[in-house]
């Protein structure tokens, strides 16, 4: 998938800020696998750990 580096967004990706994960957890489906991405890898690592602990299939 092509990523526009000037905008820092992956086309058609869902943007879920780490700080909103509790309020928006119901938007995610435990039956699906998610690829978590952030610019440096720090937030995506935290998100992967947090989601994995709650039964989600994630890759960061």
C-alpha atoms as a PDB file:
ATOM      1  CA  UNK A   1       0.000   0.000   0.000  1.00  0.00           C
ATOM      2  CA  UNK A   2       1.295   3.454  -0.892  1.00  0.00           C
ATOM      3  CA  UNK A   3       1.789   5.868   1.987  1.00  0.00           C
ATOM      4  CA  UNK A   4       1.810   9.604   1.429  1.00  0.00           C
ATOM      5  CA  UNK A   5       4.752  10.633   3.607  1.00  0.00           C
ATOM      6  CA  UNK A   6       3.922  14.336   3.433  1.00  0.00           C
ATOM      7  CA  UNK A   7       0.563  13.760   5.110  1.00  0.00           C
ATOM      8  CA  UNK A   8       1.671  10.860   7.283  1.00  0.00           C
ATOM      9  CA  UNK A   9      -1.509   8.904   6.587  1.00  0.00           C
ATOM     10  CA  UNK A  10      -2.208   5.537   5.025  1.00  0.00           C
ATOM     11  CA  UNK A  11      -5.113   5.791   2.566  1.00  0.00           C
ATOM     12  CA  UNK A  12      -8.341   4.280   3.938  1.00  0.00           C
ATOM     13  CA  UNK A  13      -6.756   3.646   7.357  1.00  0.00           C
ATOM     14  CA  UNK A  14      -8.782   4.247  10.501  1.00  0.00           C
ATOM     15  CA  UNK A  15      -7.218   6.887  12.735  1.00  0.00           C
ATOM     16  CA  UNK A  16      -7.609   5.986  16.402  1.00  0.00           C
ATOM     17  CA  UNK A  17      -5.505   8.178  18.697  1.00  0.00           C
ATOM     18  CA  UNK A  18      -3.977   6.332  21.640  1.00  0.00           C
ATOM     19  CA  UNK A  19      -5.688   8.703  24.063  1.00  0.00           C
ATOM     20  CA  UNK A  20      -9.131   7.788  22.682  1.00  0.00           C
ATOM     21  CA  UNK A  21      -8.749   3.997  22.851  1.00  0.00           C
ATOM     22  CA  UNK A  22     -11.062   3.524  25.844  1.00  0.00           C
ATOM     23  CA  UNK A  23     -13.898   5.608  24.414  1.00  0.00           C
ATOM     24  CA  UNK A  24     -13.626   4.047  20.935  1.00  0.00           C
ATOM     25  CA  UNK A  25     -12.871   0.402  21.745  1.00  0.00           C
ATOM     26  CA  UNK A  26     -16.382  -0.559  20.612  1.00  0.00           C
ATOM     27  CA  UNK A  27     -15.413   0.458  17.040  1.00  0.00           C
ATOM     28  CA  UNK A  28     -13.039  -2.508  16.791  1.00  0.00           C
ATOM     29  CA  UNK A  29     -13.982  -6.105  16.031  1.00  0.00           C
ATOM     30  CA  UNK A  30     -12.129  -8.841  17.963  1.00  0.00           C
ATOM     31  CA  UNK A  31     -12.683 -11.202  15.012  1.00  0.00           C
ATOM     32  CA  UNK A  32     -10.472  -9.032  12.761  1.00  0.00           C
ATOM     33  CA  UNK A  33      -6.722  -8.573  12.723  1.00  0.00           C
ATOM     34  CA  UNK A  34      -5.362  -5.023  12.942  1.00  0.00           C
ATOM     35  CA  UNK A  35      -2.068  -3.523  11.841  1.00  0.00           C
ATOM     36  CA  UNK A  36      -1.091  -0.682  14.150  1.00  0.00           C
ATOM     37  CA  UNK A  37       1.181   2.048  12.774  1.00  0.00           C
ATOM     38  CA  UNK A  38       2.626   5.289  14.077  1.00  0.00           C
ATOM     39  CA  UNK A  39       5.530   7.407  12.886  1.00  0.00           C
ATOM     40  CA  UNK A  40       8.149   6.364  15.452  1.00  0.00           C
ATOM     41  CA  UNK A  41       6.723   3.027  16.593  1.00  0.00           C
ATOM     42  CA  UNK A  42       6.378   4.030  20.242  1.00  0.00           C
ATOM     43  CA  UNK A  43       2.634   4.661  20.326  1.00  0.00           C
ATOM     44  CA  UNK A  44       1.888   1.717  18.047  1.00  0.00           C
ATOM     45  CA  UNK A  45       3.849  -0.569  20.376  1.00  0.00           C
ATOM     46  CA  UNK A  46       1.825   0.653  23.370  1.00  0.00           C
ATOM     47  CA  UNK A  47      -1.433   0.284  21.436  1.00  0.00           C
ATOM     48  CA  UNK A  48      -0.523  -3.257  20.319  1.00  0.00           C
ATOM     49  CA  UNK A  49       0.254  -4.300  23.876  1.00  0.00           C
ATOM     50  CA  UNK A  50      -2.934  -2.743  25.246  1.00  0.00           C
ATOM     51  CA  UNK A  51      -5.178  -4.231  22.538  1.00  0.00           C
ATOM     52  CA  UNK A  52      -3.515  -7.638  22.708  1.00  0.00           C
ATOM     53  CA  UNK A  53      -4.158  -7.780  26.464  1.00  0.00           C
ATOM     54  CA  UNK A  54      -7.856  -7.259  25.663  1.00  0.00           C
ATOM     55  CA  UNK A  55      -8.106 -10.100  23.167  1.00  0.00           C
ATOM     56  CA  UNK A  56      -7.469  -8.302  19.880  1.00  0.00           C
ATOM     57  CA  UNK A  57      -5.246  -9.699  17.123  1.00  0.00           C
ATOM     58  CA  UNK A  58      -2.712  -6.966  16.387  1.00  0.00           C
ATOM     59  CA  UNK A  59       0.583  -6.482  14.581  1.00  0.00           C
ATOM     60  CA  UNK A  60       2.722  -3.400  14.989  1.00  0.00           C
END
